[in-house]
Amino acid sequence: MDLSSQMVLFARVVGAGSFSAAARDVGHSPSAISRQIGHLEDALGIRLLTRTSHGITTTEEGRQFFERCRIVANEVSEAEALLDYLSERPAGRLNVVSTVAFGNVQLLPLLPRFLAENPEVSVSLRLTDDALDLGSGEADLAIQFSEQVTDDTVILRKLALNRRVLVAAPDYLRQHGTPAARADLAGHACLKLTTVEHWNDWIPPGAAPGRPAFEANTADAVYRASLAGLGIARLSTYLVNADIAAGRLARVLPDYEQDDSNIVAIYRDRRNLSPKIRAFIDFLVDVYDPVPPWEREEMSDESVAV
């Protein structure tokens, strides 16, 4: 492997945070990736990474070298995108990152249809609720909530409104009662998300005194905790509407609704957007706009009730 390829590989390793994650991205074994980084360090005569049983960290020289490698990796990515564009057909591997719950519940069921419509595209999907840096080359496209995006250099394409409501399992409400007002939540077990603190702004100070607390770093885990009867949660309708209709969850304070969030597709501002990225975004917009499936189902239920 030549120096420029090793630089791109080093940028991938640092961006992914581990040899194993980078190996999944490029389709090689972690040992092969580690060996190539070792060759790069030998050629430069500088240690770039510190390897421990807990993972890898960059040395001071490695951090400075990474910034140069990231530029090279981005230029290579731009060149690949241009080639894709010139071919005028969606092809190649599409690296997608999505929030955990949305990816599991809404995105994965759509992939068979997308892949059938685009047979020359393969999808590598990573699920995480952590902050992303698309500039590191770790993904071609991300599906997140608008409030998670802090990088003003990326492009956001709205896919759907993200409505959030309060829910709890019927068993929990039978045991602990149903709140009649926001202030009543202080006497209940309120399930928290640790990823972004302001996502818990619906919880009154000092909620659930003396009760077992539960918090998690993904909405998916909080959702499953609510189904298990651990308490009241604020969750997106794309996640809970089917459970509400089936009676597995019940709305709490039905007049409460948070609707200042959007589900968005995020990508870099490229002059020549890859056909595979464009095809996936257009596909999602076609599915979710103007009314996403989970909201159409709710509207249908309401019309039947009337």
Protein backbone atom coordinates (compact mmCIF):
# COMPACT_ATOMS: atom_id res chain seq x y z
CA MET A 1 0.00 0.00 0.00
CA ASP A 2 1.45 3.38 -1.00
CA LEU A 3 1.81 6.36 1.36
CA SER A 4 -1.31 8.21 0.20
CA SER A 5 -3.46 5.09 0.67
CA GLN A 6 -1.99 4.59 4.15
CA MET A 7 -2.79 8.23 4.98
CA VAL A 8 -6.42 7.69 3.94
CA LEU A 9 -6.52 4.50 6.00
CA PHE A 10 -5.06 6.32 9.03
CA ALA A 11 -7.77 9.00 8.73
CA ARG A 12 -10.40 6.25 8.67
CA VAL A 13 -8.95 4.54 11.75
CA VAL A 14 -8.85 7.75 13.79
CA GLY A 15 -12.27 8.83 12.53
CA ALA A 16 -13.82 5.43 13.33
CA GLY A 17 -12.07 5.23 16.73
CA SER A 18 -10.74 1.69 16.41
CA PHE A 19 -9.12 -0.78 14.05
CA SER A 20 -12.19 -3.01 14.09
CA ALA A 21 -14.57 -0.16 13.15
CA ALA A 22 -12.26 0.94 10.34
CA ALA A 23 -11.96 -2.67 9.20
CA ARG A 24 -15.72 -2.91 8.82
CA ASP A 25 -15.70 0.26 6.71
CA VAL A 26 -13.04 -0.92 4.27
CA GLY A 27 -13.78 -4.64 4.28
CA HIS A 28 -10.45 -5.87 5.73
CA SER A 29 -9.51 -7.56 8.99
CA PRO A 30 -8.50 -5.46 12.03
CA SER A 31 -5.08 -7.14 12.03
CA ALA A 32 -4.50 -6.11 8.40
CA ILE A 33 -5.48 -2.54 9.21
CA SER A 34 -3.19 -2.48 12.26
CA ARG A 35 -0.34 -3.89 10.19
CA GLN A 36 -0.68 -1.16 7.55
CA ILE A 37 -0.68 1.56 10.21
CA GLY A 38 2.45 -0.07 11.65
CA HIS A 39 4.10 0.11 8.21
CA LEU A 40 3.13 3.78 8.01
CA GLU A 41 4.66 4.50 11.42
CA ASP A 42 7.85 2.64 10.41
CA ALA A 43 8.09 4.62 7.15
CA LEU A 44 7.65 7.92 8.98
CA GLY A 45 9.76 6.95 11.98
CA ILE A 46 7.07 8.32 14.31
CA ARG A 47 4.54 6.66 16.59
CA LEU A 48 1.09 7.87 15.55
CA LEU A 49 -1.13 5.76 17.81
CA THR A 50 -0.96 4.47 21.34
CA ARG A 51 -2.44 0.98 21.52
CA THR A 52 -3.96 -0.24 24.79
CA SER A 53 -6.35 -2.98 25.84
CA HIS A 54 -9.10 -0.32 25.88
CA GLY A 55 -8.53 0.86 22.31
CA ILE A 56 -6.38 3.43 20.55
CA THR A 57 -5.48 7.07 21.12
CA THR A 58 -3.48 9.41 18.92
CA THR A 59 -0.12 10.74 20.02
CA GLU A 60 0.55 14.47 19.69
CA GLU A 61 2.32 13.78 16.38
CA GLY A 62 -0.56 11.54 15.37
CA ARG A 63 -3.12 14.27 16.02
CA GLN A 64 -1.22 16.72 13.84
CA PHE A 65 -0.68 14.12 11.12
CA PHE A 66 -4.38 13.19 11.22
CA GLU A 67 -5.39 16.70 10.18
CA ARG A 68 -3.29 16.34 7.02
CA CYS A 69 -4.57 12.82 6.40
CA ARG A 70 -8.16 13.97 6.78
CA ILE A 71 -7.62 16.51 4.00
CA VAL A 72 -6.21 13.78 1.76
CA ALA A 73 -9.10 11.44 2.65
CA ASN A 74 -11.66 14.13 1.84
CA GLU A 75 -9.99 14.84 -1.49
CA VAL A 76 -10.03 11.15 -2.34
CA SER A 77 -13.70 10.99 -1.33
CA GLU A 78 -14.45 14.00 -3.53
CA ALA A 79 -12.69 12.32 -6.44
CA GLU A 80 -14.70 9.13 -5.90
CA ALA A 81 -17.91 11.16 -5.72
CA LEU A 82 -17.02 12.85 -9.00
CA LEU A 83 -16.49 9.48 -10.66
CA ASP A 84 -19.85 8.31 -9.35
CA TYR A 85 -21.45 11.47 -10.69
CA LEU A 86 -19.85 11.05 -14.10
CA SER A 87 -21.14 7.49 -14.29
CA GLU A 88 -24.70 8.87 -13.79
CA ARG A 89 -25.86 5.75 -11.97
CA PRO A 90 -26.12 4.90 -8.28
CA ALA A 91 -23.40 2.36 -7.56
CA GLY A 92 -20.95 1.34 -4.86
CA ARG A 93 -21.14 1.14 -1.08
CA LEU A 94 -23.23 3.75 0.70
CA ASN A 95 -22.12 4.40 4.30
CA VAL A 96 -25.14 5.51 6.32
CA VAL A 97 -25.30 6.46 10.00
CA SER A 98 -28.66 6.68 11.76
CA THR A 99 -29.95 7.20 15.25
CA VAL A 100 -30.56 3.82 16.88
CA ALA A 101 -34.34 3.79 17.26
CA PHE A 102 -35.14 5.37 13.90
CA GLY A 103 -32.72 3.06 12.12
CA ASN A 104 -34.22 -0.05 13.69
CA VAL A 105 -37.90 0.84 13.41
CA GLN A 106 -38.19 2.97 10.27
CA LEU A 107 -35.04 2.69 8.15
CA LEU A 108 -34.23 -1.03 8.14
CA PRO A 109 -37.69 -2.09 6.87
CA LEU A 110 -37.20 0.19 3.82
CA LEU A 111 -33.79 -1.11 2.77
CA PRO A 112 -35.01 -4.15 0.80
CA ARG A 113 -37.08 -1.87 -1.45
CA PHE A 114 -34.25 0.63 -1.91
CA LEU A 115 -31.72 -2.09 -2.74
CA ALA A 116 -34.13 -3.71 -5.16
CA GLU A 117 -34.55 -0.38 -6.95
CA ASN A 118 -30.78 0.25 -6.92
CA PRO A 119 -29.15 -3.15 -7.50
CA GLU A 120 -25.63 -1.75 -7.91
CA VAL A 121 -25.67 -0.09 -4.47
CA SER A 122 -24.78 -1.78 -1.19
CA VAL A 123 -25.53 -0.21 2.19
CA SER A 124 -23.32 -0.18 5.28
CA LEU A 125 -25.47 1.00 8.20
CA ARG A 126 -24.16 2.13 11.58
CA LEU A 127 -26.57 2.89 14.42
CA THR A 128 -25.56 5.41 17.07
CA ASP A 129 -27.04 8.35 18.97
CA ASP A 130 -23.61 9.94 19.44
CA ALA A 131 -22.49 13.16 17.76
CA LEU A 132 -21.05 12.74 14.26
CA ASP A 133 -18.31 14.38 12.24
CA LEU A 134 -19.08 13.87 8.57
CA GLY A 135 -15.85 15.67 7.75
CA SER A 136 -13.90 12.69 9.06
CA GLY A 137 -15.21 10.55 6.23
CA GLU A 138 -16.96 8.11 8.58
CA ALA A 139 -20.22 8.32 6.64
CA ASP A 140 -21.66 9.49 3.34
CA LEU A 141 -25.00 10.35 4.89
CA ALA A 142 -26.53 10.60 8.37
CA ILE A 143 -30.12 10.43 9.60
CA GLN A 144 -30.53 12.42 12.81
CA PHE A 145 -32.73 14.94 14.59
CA SER A 146 -32.26 18.58 13.62
CA GLU A 147 -31.31 19.62 17.17
CA GLN A 148 -28.36 17.21 17.12
CA VAL A 149 -26.67 19.03 14.24
CA THR A 150 -24.07 21.60 15.32
CA ASP A 151 -21.97 21.74 12.14
CA ASP A 152 -23.16 24.64 9.99
CA THR A 153 -21.16 23.46 6.98
CA VAL A 154 -23.36 20.42 6.30
CA ILE A 155 -26.54 20.23 4.25
CA LEU A 156 -29.81 19.26 5.96
CA ARG A 157 -32.75 17.79 4.06
CA LYS A 158 -35.95 17.53 6.08
CA LEU A 159 -37.53 14.09 5.90
CA ALA A 160 -40.35 14.44 8.42
CA LEU A 161 -41.58 16.32 11.47
CA ASN A 162 -40.48 14.58 14.65
CA ARG A 163 -43.42 14.77 17.06
CA ARG A 164 -42.74 13.64 20.62
CA VAL A 165 -45.44 12.63 23.12
CA LEU A 166 -45.57 11.30 26.68
CA VAL A 167 -46.32 7.59 27.06
CA ALA A 168 -46.34 4.83 29.65
CA ALA A 169 -47.33 1.18 29.83
CA PRO A 170 -50.92 0.59 31.02
CA ASP A 171 -49.61 -1.59 33.88
CA TYR A 172 -47.46 1.28 35.14
CA LEU A 173 -50.42 3.67 35.10
CA ARG A 174 -52.65 1.18 36.88
CA GLN A 175 -50.09 0.79 39.66
CA HIS A 176 -49.04 4.42 40.03
CA GLY A 177 -51.92 6.46 38.67
CA THR A 178 -52.25 8.72 35.64
CA PRO A 179 -50.92 12.30 35.88
CA ALA A 180 -53.57 14.94 35.29
CA ALA A 181 -51.17 17.87 34.87
CA ARG A 182 -47.49 18.51 34.14
CA ALA A 183 -46.82 19.17 37.82
CA ASP A 184 -48.03 15.64 38.66
CA LEU A 185 -45.04 14.18 36.80
CA ALA A 186 -42.88 15.05 39.80
CA GLY A 187 -44.42 12.09 41.61
CA HIS A 188 -43.65 9.60 38.86
CA ALA A 189 -40.69 7.65 37.51
CA CYS A 190 -39.63 9.68 34.48
CA LEU A 191 -37.30 7.89 32.08
CA LYS A 192 -34.32 9.98 31.02
CA LEU A 193 -32.10 10.19 27.96
CA THR A 194 -28.45 10.87 28.75
CA THR A 195 -27.37 11.72 25.19
CA VAL A 196 -28.58 15.33 25.15
CA GLU A 197 -29.54 16.92 28.47
CA HIS A 198 -32.20 19.28 27.12
CA TRP A 199 -34.14 16.26 25.83
CA ASN A 200 -35.16 15.86 29.48
CA ASP A 201 -36.64 19.36 29.84
CA TRP A 202 -40.13 17.87 30.13
CA ILE A 203 -39.24 16.33 33.52
CA PRO A 204 -40.02 18.55 36.54
CA PRO A 205 -37.14 19.13 38.98
CA GLY A 206 -36.98 16.45 41.66
CA ALA A 207 -39.18 13.99 39.78
CA ALA A 208 -39.68 10.46 41.12
CA PRO A 209 -38.49 11.00 44.71
CA GLY A 210 -37.63 7.71 46.38
CA ARG A 211 -38.32 5.64 43.27
CA PRO A 212 -35.81 3.58 41.29
CA ALA A 213 -34.40 5.80 38.57
CA PHE A 214 -33.74 4.72 34.99
CA GLU A 215 -31.81 6.47 32.27
CA ALA A 216 -30.21 5.34 29.02
CA ASN A 217 -28.11 6.73 26.21
CA THR A 218 -30.49 5.78 23.38
CA ALA A 219 -34.16 6.45 22.73
CA ASP A 220 -34.46 2.77 21.79
CA ALA A 221 -33.51 1.73 25.33
CA VAL A 222 -35.89 4.27 26.90
CA TYR A 223 -38.64 3.03 24.57
CA ARG A 224 -38.11 -0.57 25.69
CA ALA A 225 -38.01 0.53 29.32
CA SER A 226 -41.39 2.24 28.89
CA LEU A 227 -42.84 -0.95 27.38
CA ALA A 228 -41.48 -2.85 30.38
CA GLY A 229 -43.42 -0.55 32.74
CA LEU A 230 -40.45 1.29 34.26
CA GLY A 231 -42.07 4.70 34.00
CA ILE A 232 -43.20 7.60 31.81
CA ALA A 233 -41.16 8.60 28.75
CA ARG A 234 -41.21 11.27 26.08
CA LEU A 235 -40.76 9.49 22.77
CA SER A 236 -41.20 10.15 19.07
CA THR A 237 -44.46 9.14 17.40
CA TYR A 238 -42.55 7.19 14.74
CA LEU A 239 -41.54 4.89 17.60
CA VAL A 240 -44.71 4.63 19.69
CA ASN A 241 -47.76 5.19 17.47
CA ALA A 242 -48.13 1.49 16.66
CA ASP A 243 -47.84 0.59 20.35
CA ILE A 244 -50.45 3.18 21.31
CA ALA A 245 -52.84 1.80 18.68
CA ALA A 246 -52.23 -1.76 19.93
CA GLY A 247 -52.68 -0.80 23.60
CA ARG A 248 -49.10 -1.63 24.61
CA LEU A 249 -48.56 2.03 25.53
CA ALA A 250 -50.94 4.81 26.51
CA ARG A 251 -50.69 8.57 26.00
CA VAL A 252 -50.01 10.54 29.18
CA LEU A 253 -51.24 14.15 29.24
CA PRO A 254 -52.72 13.84 25.71
CA ASP A 255 -52.62 17.61 25.16
CA TYR A 256 -48.83 17.61 25.56
CA GLU A 257 -46.80 17.42 22.36
CA GLN A 258 -43.32 18.58 21.34
CA ASP A 259 -43.12 19.44 17.65
CA ASP A 260 -40.04 21.66 17.24
CA SER A 261 -37.82 18.86 15.94
CA ASN A 262 -37.30 17.45 12.45
CA ILE A 263 -35.91 14.14 11.22
CA VAL A 264 -33.24 15.15 8.71
CA ALA A 265 -30.82 13.66 6.21
CA ILE A 266 -27.36 15.21 6.59
CA TYR A 267 -24.57 15.23 4.04
CA ARG A 268 -21.56 17.28 3.07
CA ASP A 269 -21.86 20.22 0.71
CA ARG A 270 -20.30 18.66 -2.38
CA ARG A 271 -20.29 20.20 -5.81
CA ASN A 272 -20.98 16.80 -7.35
CA LEU A 273 -23.25 14.83 -5.08
CA SER A 274 -22.76 11.10 -5.55
CA PRO A 275 -25.66 9.42 -7.39
CA LYS A 276 -25.90 6.78 -4.65
CA ILE A 277 -26.36 9.50 -1.99
CA ARG A 278 -28.81 11.42 -4.15
CA ALA A 279 -30.77 8.25 -4.88
CA PHE A 280 -31.06 7.37 -1.18
CA ILE A 281 -32.15 10.87 -0.16
CA ASP A 282 -34.73 11.03 -2.96
CA PHE A 283 -35.99 7.60 -1.93
CA LEU A 284 -36.47 8.66 1.70
CA VAL A 285 -38.15 11.94 0.75
CA ASP A 286 -40.56 10.00 -1.47
CA VAL A 287 -41.45 7.70 1.45
CA TYR A 288 -41.76 10.33 4.18
CA ASP A 289 -43.03 13.46 2.42
CA PRO A 290 -45.48 15.10 2.86
CA VAL A 291 -46.84 12.84 5.64
CA PRO A 292 -44.71 9.95 6.97
CA PRO A 293 -46.26 6.47 7.19
CA TRP A 294 -46.58 6.42 10.99
CA GLU A 295 -48.55 9.69 10.91
CA ARG A 296 -50.75 8.49 8.03
CA GLU A 297 -51.66 5.45 10.10
CA GLU A 298 -52.63 7.67 13.04
CA MET A 299 -54.75 9.93 10.81
CA SER A 300 -56.50 6.84 9.42
CA ASP A 301 -57.26 5.60 12.94
CA GLU A 302 -58.69 9.02 13.88
CA SER A 303 -60.92 9.11 10.80
CA VAL A 304 -62.31 5.66 11.63
CA ALA A 305 -62.96 6.76 15.24
CA VAL A 306 -64.96 9.76 14.03
